[in-house]
PDB file of N, CA and C in Angstrom:
ATOM      1  N   MET A   1     -12.403 -14.715 -20.626  1.00  0.00           N
ATOM      2  CA  MET A   1     -12.348 -13.419 -20.020  1.00  0.00           C
ATOM      3  C   MET A   1     -11.007 -12.759 -20.363  1.00  0.00           C
ATOM      4  N   ASN A   2     -11.108 -11.511 -20.741  1.00  0.00           N
ATOM      5  CA  ASN A   2      -9.858 -10.725 -21.005  1.00  0.00           C
ATOM      6  C   ASN A   2      -9.404 -10.138 -19.698  1.00  0.00           C
ATOM      7  N   SER A   3      -8.104 -10.180 -19.479  1.00  0.00           N
ATOM      8  CA  SER A   3      -7.539  -9.558 -18.281  1.00  0.00           C
ATOM      9  C   SER A   3      -6.313  -8.804 -18.671  1.00  0.00           C
ATOM     10  N   THR A   4      -5.926  -7.863 -17.768  1.00  0.00           N
ATOM     11  CA  THR A   4      -4.775  -7.018 -17.911  1.00  0.00           C
ATOM     12  C   THR A   4      -3.848  -7.299 -16.746  1.00  0.00           C
ATOM     13  N   THR A   5      -2.555  -7.471 -16.991  1.00  0.00           N
ATOM     14  CA  THR A   5      -1.615  -7.649 -15.902  1.00  0.00           C
ATOM     15  C   THR A   5      -1.181  -6.296 -15.363  1.00  0.00           C
ATOM     16  N   LEU A   6      -1.503  -6.045 -14.102  1.00  0.00           N
ATOM     17  CA  LEU A   6      -1.122  -4.838 -13.376  1.00  0.00           C
ATOM     18  C   LEU A   6      -0.266  -5.211 -12.200  1.00  0.00           C
ATOM     19  N   LYS A   7       0.111  -4.237 -11.407  1.00  0.00           N
ATOM     20  CA  LYS A   7       0.843  -4.462 -10.182  1.00  0.00           C
ATOM     21  C   LYS A   7      -0.086  -4.165  -9.016  1.00  0.00           C
ATOM     22  N   LEU A   8      -0.019  -5.112  -8.055  1.00  0.00           N
ATOM     23  CA  LEU A   8      -0.752  -4.922  -6.791  1.00  0.00           C
ATOM     24  C   LEU A   8       0.302  -4.477  -5.773  1.00  0.00           C
ATOM     25  N   VAL A   9       0.179  -3.225  -5.346  1.00  0.00           N
ATOM     26  CA  VAL A   9       1.091  -2.694  -4.331  1.00  0.00           C
ATOM     27  C   VAL A   9       0.387  -2.793  -3.000  1.00  0.00           C
ATOM     28  N   THR A  10       1.051  -3.404  -2.018  1.00  0.00           N
ATOM     29  CA  THR A  10       0.483  -3.539  -0.685  1.00  0.00           C
ATOM     30  C   THR A  10       1.417  -2.818   0.300  1.00  0.00           C
ATOM     31  N   VAL A  11       0.809  -1.972   1.156  1.00  0.00           N
ATOM     32  CA  VAL A  11       1.568  -1.276   2.195  1.00  0.00           C
ATOM     33  C   VAL A  11       0.867  -1.590   3.530  1.00  0.00           C
ATOM     34  N   VAL A  12       1.619  -2.108   4.454  1.00  0.00           N
ATOM     35  CA  VAL A  12       1.099  -2.348   5.813  1.00  0.00           C
ATOM     36  C   VAL A  12       1.800  -1.353   6.709  1.00  0.00           C
ATOM     37  N   ALA A  13       1.031  -0.488   7.395  1.00  0.00           N
ATOM     38  CA  ALA A  13       1.647   0.620   8.118  1.00  0.00           C
ATOM     39  C   ALA A  13       0.880   0.949   9.381  1.00  0.00           C
ATOM     40  N   GLU A  14       1.469   1.810  10.165  1.00  0.00           N
ATOM     41  CA  GLU A  14       0.854   2.316  11.374  1.00  0.00           C
ATOM     42  C   GLU A  14      -0.369   3.149  10.950  1.00  0.00           C
ATOM     43  N   ARG A  15      -1.454   2.994  11.703  1.00  0.00           N
ATOM     44  CA  ARG A  15      -2.710   3.702  11.414  1.00  0.00           C
ATOM     45  C   ARG A  15      -2.532   5.207  11.335  1.00  0.00           C
ATOM     46  N   ILE A  16      -1.659   5.767  12.066  1.00  0.00           N
ATOM     47  CA  ILE A  16      -1.469   7.197  12.080  1.00  0.00           C
ATOM     48  C   ILE A  16      -1.041   7.741  10.722  1.00  0.00           C
ATOM     49  N   LEU A  17      -0.524   6.886   9.845  1.00  0.00           N
ATOM     50  CA  LEU A  17      -0.040   7.277   8.537  1.00  0.00           C
ATOM     51  C   LEU A  17      -1.148   7.176   7.468  1.00  0.00           C
ATOM     52  N   GLU A  18      -2.339   6.717   7.781  1.00  0.00           N
ATOM     53  CA  GLU A  18      -3.373   6.438   6.791  1.00  0.00           C
ATOM     54  C   GLU A  18      -3.660   7.623   5.875  1.00  0.00           C
ATOM     55  N   ASP A  19      -4.028   8.764   6.396  1.00  0.00           N
ATOM     56  CA  ASP A  19      -4.391   9.919   5.558  1.00  0.00           C
ATOM     57  C   ASP A  19      -3.224  10.384   4.693  1.00  0.00           C
ATOM     58  N   ARG A  20      -2.053  10.428   5.284  1.00  0.00           N
ATOM     59  CA  ARG A  20      -0.871  10.870   4.589  1.00  0.00           C
ATOM     60  C   ARG A  20      -0.515   9.904   3.431  1.00  0.00           C
ATOM     61  N   LEU A  21      -0.525   8.617   3.681  1.00  0.00           N
ATOM     62  CA  LEU A  21      -0.202   7.631   2.669  1.00  0.00           C
ATOM     63  C   LEU A  21      -1.188   7.640   1.524  1.00  0.00           C
ATOM     64  N   ILE A  22      -2.461   7.737   1.839  1.00  0.00           N
ATOM     65  CA  ILE A  22      -3.515   7.738   0.801  1.00  0.00           C
ATOM     66  C   ILE A  22      -3.336   8.980  -0.069  1.00  0.00           C
ATOM     67  N   ARG A  23      -3.075  10.139   0.514  1.00  0.00           N
ATOM     68  CA  ARG A  23      -2.874  11.358  -0.235  1.00  0.00           C
ATOM     69  C   ARG A  23      -1.667  11.212  -1.178  1.00  0.00           C
ATOM     70  N   GLU A  24      -0.565  10.657  -0.654  1.00  0.00           N
ATOM     71  CA  GLU A  24       0.664  10.516  -1.471  1.00  0.00           C
ATOM     72  C   GLU A  24       0.493   9.436  -2.534  1.00  0.00           C
ATOM     73  N   ILE A  25      -0.116   8.351  -2.245  1.00  0.00           N
ATOM     74  CA  ILE A  25      -0.272   7.230  -3.174  1.00  0.00           C
ATOM     75  C   ILE A  25      -1.165   7.661  -4.338  1.00  0.00           C
ATOM     76  N   THR A  26      -2.245   8.379  -4.031  1.00  0.00           N
ATOM     77  CA  THR A  26      -3.121   8.839  -5.158  1.00  0.00           C
ATOM     78  C   THR A  26      -2.428   9.935  -5.928  1.00  0.00           C
ATOM     79  N   HIS A  27      -1.679  10.778  -5.274  1.00  0.00           N
ATOM     80  CA  HIS A  27      -0.900  11.821  -5.998  1.00  0.00           C
ATOM     81  C   HIS A  27       0.103  11.192  -6.977  1.00  0.00           C
ATOM     82  N   LEU A  28       0.643  10.041  -6.592  1.00  0.00           N
ATOM     83  CA  LEU A  28       1.624   9.351  -7.444  1.00  0.00           C
ATOM     84  C   LEU A  28       0.972   8.541  -8.584  1.00  0.00           C
ATOM     85  N   GLY A  29      -0.375   8.488  -8.602  1.00  0.00           N
ATOM     86  CA  GLY A  29      -1.018   7.895  -9.757  1.00  0.00           C
ATOM     87  C   GLY A  29      -2.052   6.824  -9.520  1.00  0.00           C
ATOM     88  N   ALA A  30      -2.204   6.358  -8.271  1.00  0.00           N
ATOM     89  CA  ALA A  30      -3.228   5.325  -8.021  1.00  0.00           C
ATOM     90  C   ALA A  30      -4.625   5.936  -8.184  1.00  0.00           C
ATOM     91  N   LYS A  31      -5.498   5.229  -8.852  1.00  0.00           N
ATOM     92  CA  LYS A  31      -6.883   5.706  -9.122  1.00  0.00           C
ATOM     93  C   LYS A  31      -7.805   5.376  -7.950  1.00  0.00           C
ATOM     94  N   GLY A  32      -7.455   4.426  -7.142  1.00  0.00           N
ATOM     95  CA  GLY A  32      -8.274   4.034  -5.991  1.00  0.00           C
ATOM     96  C   GLY A  32      -7.467   3.181  -5.048  1.00  0.00           C
ATOM     97  N   TYR A  33      -8.082   2.739  -4.004  1.00  0.00           N
ATOM     98  CA  TYR A  33      -7.352   1.963  -3.002  1.00  0.00           C
ATOM     99  C   TYR A  33      -8.365   1.172  -2.148  1.00  0.00           C
ATOM    100  N   THR A  34      -7.851   0.188  -1.461  1.00  0.00           N
ATOM    101  CA  THR A  34      -8.610  -0.554  -0.445  1.00  0.00           C
ATOM    102  C   THR A  34      -7.831  -0.535   0.831  1.00  0.00           C
ATOM    103  N   ILE A  35      -8.507  -0.241   1.910  1.00  0.00           N
ATOM    104  CA  ILE A  35      -7.856  -0.239   3.243  1.00  0.00           C
ATOM    105  C   ILE A  35      -8.572  -1.225   4.124  1.00  0.00           C
ATOM    106  N   THR A  36      -7.783  -2.059   4.818  1.00  0.00           N
ATOM    107  CA  THR A  36      -8.322  -2.977   5.829  1.00  0.00           C
ATOM    108  C   THR A  36      -7.448  -2.906   7.071  1.00  0.00           C
ATOM    109  N   ASP A  37      -8.014  -3.331   8.193  1.00  0.00           N
ATOM    110  CA  ASP A  37      -7.234  -3.398   9.409  1.00  0.00           C
ATOM    111  C   ASP A  37      -6.246  -4.554   9.300  1.00  0.00           C
ATOM    112  N   ALA A  38      -5.121  -4.416   9.976  1.00  0.00           N
ATOM    113  CA  ALA A  38      -4.088  -5.442   9.979  1.00  0.00           C
ATOM    114  C   ALA A  38      -3.508  -5.619  11.355  1.00  0.00           C
ATOM    115  N   ARG A  39      -3.180  -6.827  11.686  1.00  0.00           N
ATOM    116  CA  ARG A  39      -2.490  -7.144  12.947  1.00  0.00           C
ATOM    117  C   ARG A  39      -1.363  -8.098  12.625  1.00  0.00           C
ATOM    118  N   GLY A  40      -0.350  -8.092  13.520  1.00  0.00           N
ATOM    119  CA  GLY A  40       0.735  -9.017  13.243  1.00  0.00           C
ATOM    120  C   GLY A  40       1.962  -8.715  14.105  1.00  0.00           C
ATOM    121  N   ARG A  41       3.035  -9.427  13.788  1.00  0.00           N
ATOM    122  CA  ARG A  41       4.270  -9.267  14.505  1.00  0.00           C
ATOM    123  C   ARG A  41       5.390  -9.223  13.460  1.00  0.00           C
ATOM    124  N   GLY A  42       6.320  -8.363  13.666  1.00  0.00           N
ATOM    125  CA  GLY A  42       7.434  -8.228  12.731  1.00  0.00           C
ATOM    126  C   GLY A  42       8.729  -7.915  13.472  1.00  0.00           C
ATOM    127  N   SER A  43       9.677  -7.298  12.768  1.00  0.00           N
ATOM    128  CA  SER A  43      10.980  -6.995  13.359  1.00  0.00           C
ATOM    129  C   SER A  43      10.908  -6.030  14.499  1.00  0.00           C
ATOM    130  N   ARG A  44       9.807  -5.247  14.535  1.00  0.00           N
ATOM    131  CA  ARG A  44       9.657  -4.276  15.631  1.00  0.00           C
ATOM    132  C   ARG A  44       8.696  -4.803  16.701  1.00  0.00           C
ATOM    133  N   GLY A  45       8.432  -6.097  16.678  1.00  0.00           N
ATOM    134  CA  GLY A  45       7.579  -6.691  17.701  1.00  0.00           C
ATOM    135  C   GLY A  45       6.122  -6.658  17.316  1.00  0.00           C
ATOM    136  N   VAL A  46       5.260  -6.913  18.295  1.00  0.00           N
ATOM    137  CA  VAL A  46       3.820  -6.935  18.092  1.00  0.00           C
ATOM    138  C   VAL A  46       3.296  -5.492  18.055  1.00  0.00           C
ATOM    139  N   ARG A  47       2.473  -5.172  17.097  1.00  0.00           N
ATOM    140  CA  ARG A  47       1.959  -3.842  16.951  1.00  0.00           C
ATOM    141  C   ARG A  47       0.521  -3.737  17.414  1.00  0.00           C
ATOM    142  N   ALA A  48      -0.031  -2.543  17.320  1.00  0.00           N
ATOM    143  CA  ALA A  48      -1.464  -2.251  17.559  1.00  0.00           C
ATOM    144  C   ALA A  48      -1.836  -2.257  19.036  1.00  0.00           C
ATOM    145  N   SER A  49      -1.494  -1.159  19.682  1.00  0.00           N
ATOM    146  CA  SER A  49      -1.972  -0.941  21.040  1.00  0.00           C
ATOM    147  C   SER A  49      -3.418  -0.442  20.931  1.00  0.00           C
ATOM    148  N   GLU A  50      -4.152  -0.514  22.047  1.00  0.00           N
ATOM    149  CA  GLU A  50      -5.565  -0.133  22.010  1.00  0.00           C
ATOM    150  C   GLU A  50      -5.760   1.307  21.633  1.00  0.00           C
ATOM    151  N   TRP A  51      -4.891   2.213  22.089  1.00  0.00           N
ATOM    152  CA  TRP A  51      -5.110   3.603  21.832  1.00  0.00           C
ATOM    153  C   TRP A  51      -4.728   3.964  20.390  1.00  0.00           C
ATOM    154  N   GLU A  52      -3.837   3.241  19.762  1.00  0.00           N
ATOM    155  CA  GLU A  52      -3.462   3.519  18.369  1.00  0.00           C
ATOM    156  C   GLU A  52      -4.417   2.877  17.383  1.00  0.00           C
ATOM    157  N   GLY A  53      -5.015   1.757  17.826  1.00  0.00           N
ATOM    158  CA  GLY A  53      -5.858   0.998  16.899  1.00  0.00           C
ATOM    159  C   GLY A  53      -4.956   0.076  16.061  1.00  0.00           C
ATOM    160  N   PRO A  54      -5.571  -0.821  15.326  1.00  0.00           N
ATOM    161  CA  PRO A  54      -4.787  -1.735  14.517  1.00  0.00           C
ATOM    162  C   PRO A  54      -4.062  -1.023  13.362  1.00  0.00           C
ATOM    163  N   ASP A  55      -3.012  -1.694  12.904  1.00  0.00           N
ATOM    164  CA  ASP A  55      -2.328  -1.179  11.703  1.00  0.00           C
ATOM    165  C   ASP A  55      -3.294  -1.223  10.519  1.00  0.00           C
ATOM    166  N   ILE A  56      -2.877  -0.658   9.404  1.00  0.00           N
ATOM    167  CA  ILE A  56      -3.672  -0.654   8.221  1.00  0.00           C
ATOM    168  C   ILE A  56      -2.968  -1.400   7.088  1.00  0.00           C
ATOM    169  N   ARG A  57      -3.735  -1.958   6.186  1.00  0.00           N
ATOM    170  CA  ARG A  57      -3.188  -2.563   4.959  1.00  0.00           C
ATOM    171  C   ARG A  57      -3.805  -1.833   3.786  1.00  0.00           C
ATOM    172  N   ILE A  58      -3.027  -1.169   3.006  1.00  0.00           N
ATOM    173  CA  ILE A  58      -3.478  -0.418   1.836  1.00  0.00           C
ATOM    174  C   ILE A  58      -3.124  -1.260   0.603  1.00  0.00           C
ATOM    175  N   GLU A  59      -4.071  -1.444  -0.301  1.00  0.00           N
ATOM    176  CA  GLU A  59      -3.802  -2.183  -1.546  1.00  0.00           C
ATOM    177  C   GLU A  59      -4.252  -1.312  -2.720  1.00  0.00           C
ATOM    178  N   VAL A  60      -3.381  -1.227  -3.720  1.00  0.00           N
ATOM    179  CA  VAL A  60      -3.704  -0.452  -4.935  1.00  0.00           C
ATOM    180  C   VAL A  60      -3.287  -1.274  -6.144  1.00  0.00           C
ATOM    181  N   LEU A  61      -4.104  -1.212  -7.196  1.00  0.00           N
ATOM    182  CA  LEU A  61      -3.777  -1.808  -8.493  1.00  0.00           C
ATOM    183  C   LEU A  61      -3.348  -0.665  -9.416  1.00  0.00           C
ATOM    184  N   VAL A  62      -2.098  -0.785  -9.932  1.00  0.00           N
ATOM    185  CA  VAL A  62      -1.552   0.283 -10.723  1.00  0.00           C
ATOM    186  C   VAL A  62      -0.623  -0.261 -11.828  1.00  0.00           C
ATOM    187  N   SER A  63      -0.219   0.591 -12.726  1.00  0.00           N
ATOM    188  CA  SER A  63       0.740   0.233 -13.760  1.00  0.00           C
ATOM    189  C   SER A  63       2.099  -0.024 -13.163  1.00  0.00           C
ATOM    190  N   PRO A  64       3.002  -0.689 -13.866  1.00  0.00           N
ATOM    191  CA  PRO A  64       4.323  -0.918 -13.319  1.00  0.00           C
ATOM    192  C   PRO A  64       5.076   0.374 -12.986  1.00  0.00           C
ATOM    193  N   ASP A  65       4.918   1.406 -13.803  1.00  0.00           N
ATOM    194  CA  ASP A  65       5.595   2.693 -13.514  1.00  0.00           C
ATOM    195  C   ASP A  65       5.115   3.321 -12.213  1.00  0.00           C
ATOM    196  N   VAL A  66       3.804   3.303 -12.027  1.00  0.00           N
ATOM    197  CA  VAL A  66       3.240   3.884 -10.803  1.00  0.00           C
ATOM    198  C   VAL A  66       3.665   3.060  -9.602  1.00  0.00           C
ATOM    199  N   ALA A  67       3.665   1.739  -9.753  1.00  0.00           N
ATOM    200  CA  ALA A  67       4.120   0.866  -8.642  1.00  0.00           C
ATOM    201  C   ALA A  67       5.539   1.199  -8.223  1.00  0.00           C
ATOM    202  N   GLU A  68       6.412   1.419  -9.217  1.00  0.00           N
ATOM    203  CA  GLU A  68       7.782   1.733  -8.888  1.00  0.00           C
ATOM    204  C   GLU A  68       7.888   3.105  -8.181  1.00  0.00           C
ATOM    205  N   CYS A  69       7.117   4.081  -8.604  1.00  0.00           N
ATOM    206  CA  CYS A  69       7.119   5.376  -7.966  1.00  0.00           C
ATOM    207  C   CYS A  69       6.648   5.265  -6.504  1.00  0.00           C
ATOM    208  N   ILE A  70       5.556   4.506  -6.279  1.00  0.00           N
ATOM    209  CA  ILE A  70       5.040   4.319  -4.955  1.00  0.00           C
ATOM    210  C   ILE A  70       6.057   3.619  -4.053  1.00  0.00           C
ATOM    211  N   MET A  71       6.661   2.584  -4.515  1.00  0.00           N
ATOM    212  CA  MET A  71       7.635   1.826  -3.702  1.00  0.00           C
ATOM    213  C   MET A  71       8.843   2.664  -3.386  1.00  0.00           C
ATOM    214  N   GLU A  72       9.371   3.445  -4.335  1.00  0.00           N
ATOM    215  CA  GLU A  72      10.521   4.325  -4.052  1.00  0.00           C
ATOM    216  C   GLU A  72      10.125   5.380  -3.050  1.00  0.00           C
ATOM    217  N   HIS A  73       8.962   5.988  -3.185  1.00  0.00           N
ATOM    218  CA  HIS A  73       8.510   7.013  -2.244  1.00  0.00           C
ATOM    219  C   HIS A  73       8.358   6.483  -0.847  1.00  0.00           C
ATOM    220  N   VAL A  74       7.710   5.334  -0.706  1.00  0.00           N
ATOM    221  CA  VAL A  74       7.481   4.753   0.605  1.00  0.00           C
ATOM    222  C   VAL A  74       8.849   4.400   1.237  1.00  0.00           C
ATOM    223  N   ALA A  75       9.723   3.785   0.498  1.00  0.00           N
ATOM    224  CA  ALA A  75      11.034   3.436   1.031  1.00  0.00           C
ATOM    225  C   ALA A  75      11.821   4.656   1.481  1.00  0.00           C
ATOM    226  N   ASP A  76      11.872   5.647   0.627  1.00  0.00           N
ATOM    227  CA  ASP A  76      12.624   6.846   0.964  1.00  0.00           C
ATOM    228  C   ASP A  76      12.034   7.678   2.111  1.00  0.00           C
ATOM    229  N   THR A  77      10.721   7.664   2.252  1.00  0.00           N
ATOM    230  CA  THR A  77      10.044   8.510   3.211  1.00  0.00           C
ATOM    231  C   THR A  77       9.796   7.862   4.564  1.00  0.00           C
ATOM    232  N   TYR A  78       9.495   6.558   4.588  1.00  0.00           N
ATOM    233  CA  TYR A  78       9.004   5.916   5.783  1.00  0.00           C
ATOM    234  C   TYR A  78       9.817   4.827   6.410  1.00  0.00           C
ATOM    235  N   PHE A  79      10.586   4.080   5.646  1.00  0.00           N
ATOM    236  CA  PHE A  79      11.205   2.865   6.175  1.00  0.00           C
ATOM    237  C   PHE A  79      12.090   3.133   7.400  1.00  0.00           C
ATOM    238  N   GLU A  80      12.803   4.255   7.414  1.00  0.00           N
ATOM    239  CA  GLU A  80      13.727   4.563   8.497  1.00  0.00           C
ATOM    240  C   GLU A  80      13.003   4.882   9.813  1.00  0.00           C
ATOM    241  N   TYR A  81      11.802   5.427   9.698  1.00  0.00           N
ATOM    242  CA  TYR A  81      11.161   6.038  10.886  1.00  0.00           C
ATOM    243  C   TYR A  81       9.888   5.311  11.379  1.00  0.00           C
ATOM    244  N   TYR A  82       9.312   4.463  10.555  1.00  0.00           N
ATOM    245  CA  TYR A  82       8.028   3.839  10.937  1.00  0.00           C
ATOM    246  C   TYR A  82       8.045   2.333  10.775  1.00  0.00           C
ATOM    247  N   ALA A  83       7.175   1.681  11.514  1.00  0.00           N
ATOM    248  CA  ALA A  83       6.934   0.238  11.301  1.00  0.00           C
ATOM    249  C   ALA A  83       6.053   0.101  10.068  1.00  0.00           C
ATOM    250  N   LEU A  84       6.624  -0.256   8.961  1.00  0.00           N
ATOM    251  CA  LEU A  84       5.924  -0.286   7.692  1.00  0.00           C
ATOM    252  C   LEU A  84       6.585  -1.307   6.748  1.00  0.00           C
ATOM    253  N   ILE A  85       5.746  -1.991   5.978  1.00  0.00           N
ATOM    254  CA  ILE A  85       6.256  -2.917   4.995  1.00  0.00           C
ATOM    255  C   ILE A  85       5.508  -2.647   3.690  1.00  0.00           C
ATOM    256  N   ALA A  86       6.196  -2.801   2.564  1.00  0.00           N
ATOM    257  CA  ALA A  86       5.574  -2.587   1.244  1.00  0.00           C
ATOM    258  C   ALA A  86       6.091  -3.695   0.307  1.00  0.00           C
ATOM    259  N   TYR A  87       5.175  -4.197  -0.537  1.00  0.00           N
ATOM    260  CA  TYR A  87       5.564  -5.189  -1.507  1.00  0.00           C
ATOM    261  C   TYR A  87       4.685  -5.090  -2.734  1.00  0.00           C
ATOM    262  N   VAL A  88       5.196  -5.658  -3.838  1.00  0.00           N
ATOM    263  CA  VAL A  88       4.508  -5.590  -5.137  1.00  0.00           C
ATOM    264  C   VAL A  88       4.330  -7.019  -5.680  1.00  0.00           C
ATOM    265  N   GLN A  89       3.182  -7.262  -6.271  1.00  0.00           N
ATOM    266  CA  GLN A  89       2.898  -8.563  -6.920  1.00  0.00           C
ATOM    267  C   GLN A  89       2.246  -8.312  -8.271  1.00  0.00           C
ATOM    268  N   ASP A  90       2.424  -9.204  -9.184  1.00  0.00           N
ATOM    269  CA  ASP A  90       1.693  -9.160 -10.422  1.00  0.00           C
ATOM    270  C   ASP A  90       0.235  -9.572 -10.123  1.00  0.00           C
ATOM    271  N   ALA A  91      -0.759  -8.924 -10.823  1.00  0.00           N
ATOM    272  CA  ALA A  91      -2.128  -9.240 -10.658  1.00  0.00           C
ATOM    273  C   ALA A  91      -2.806  -9.195 -12.001  1.00  0.00           C
ATOM    274  N   ASP A  92      -3.455 -10.285 -12.384  1.00  0.00           N
ATOM    275  CA  ASP A  92      -4.258 -10.328 -13.606  1.00  0.00           C
ATOM    276  C   ASP A  92      -5.647  -9.819 -13.234  1.00  0.00           C
ATOM    277  N   VAL A  93      -6.024  -8.722 -13.845  1.00  0.00           N
ATOM    278  CA  VAL A  93      -7.208  -7.975 -13.399  1.00  0.00           C
ATOM    279  C   VAL A  93      -8.260  -7.898 -14.539  1.00  0.00           C
ATOM    280  N   ALA A  94      -9.475  -8.227 -14.197  1.00  0.00           N
ATOM    281  CA  ALA A  94     -10.587  -8.021 -15.153  1.00  0.00           C
ATOM    282  C   ALA A  94     -10.878  -6.516 -15.122  1.00  0.00           C
ATOM    283  N   ARG A  95     -11.255  -5.990 -16.274  1.00  0.00           N
ATOM    284  CA  ARG A  95     -11.521  -4.548 -16.351  1.00  0.00           C
ATOM    285  C   ARG A  95     -10.347  -3.694 -15.963  1.00  0.00           C
ATOM    286  N   GLY A  96      -9.137  -4.117 -16.347  1.00  0.00           N
ATOM    287  CA  GLY A  96      -7.911  -3.433 -15.962  1.00  0.00           C
ATOM    288  C   GLY A  96      -7.811  -2.011 -16.392  1.00  0.00           C
ATOM    289  N   ASP A  97      -8.564  -1.581 -17.410  1.00  0.00           N
ATOM    290  CA  ASP A  97      -8.549  -0.214 -17.901  1.00  0.00           C
ATOM    291  C   ASP A  97      -9.047   0.770 -16.786  1.00  0.00           C
ATOM    292  N   LYS A  98      -9.755   0.252 -15.831  1.00  0.00           N
ATOM    293  CA  LYS A  98     -10.225   1.166 -14.731  1.00  0.00           C
ATOM    294  C   LYS A  98      -9.084   1.651 -13.820  1.00  0.00           C
ATOM    295  N   TYR A  99      -7.933   0.977 -13.875  1.00  0.00           N
ATOM    296  CA  TYR A  99      -6.906   1.240 -12.911  1.00  0.00           C
ATOM    297  C   TYR A  99      -5.683   1.980 -13.464  1.00  0.00           C
ATOM    298  N   VAL A 100      -5.664   2.215 -14.775  1.00  0.00           N
ATOM    299  CA  VAL A 100      -4.474   2.914 -15.321  1.00  0.00           C
ATOM    300  C   VAL A 100      -4.902   4.171 -16.053  1.00  0.00           C
TER     301      VAL A 100
END
């Protein structure tokens, strides 16, 4: 099987940011995304009250350049004000041409 090495960018954030983050991430070059519910505990304590709903986990497969743009944007825009984490991993992807 032929595969392409891309970057998997994962952002775990407050649900209220979902629409805004998706709009910005796709504007920065992501061709698609996956969103799942997330729960957990971090430096800001346990998240997800009933009225807010659970946090979200956004995953995108992108080129290294797009990954860097997304990470810089998320850090500059959200880290100071929101409970949010972002990280990047290498991902060997089948049909990688779909994502760049």
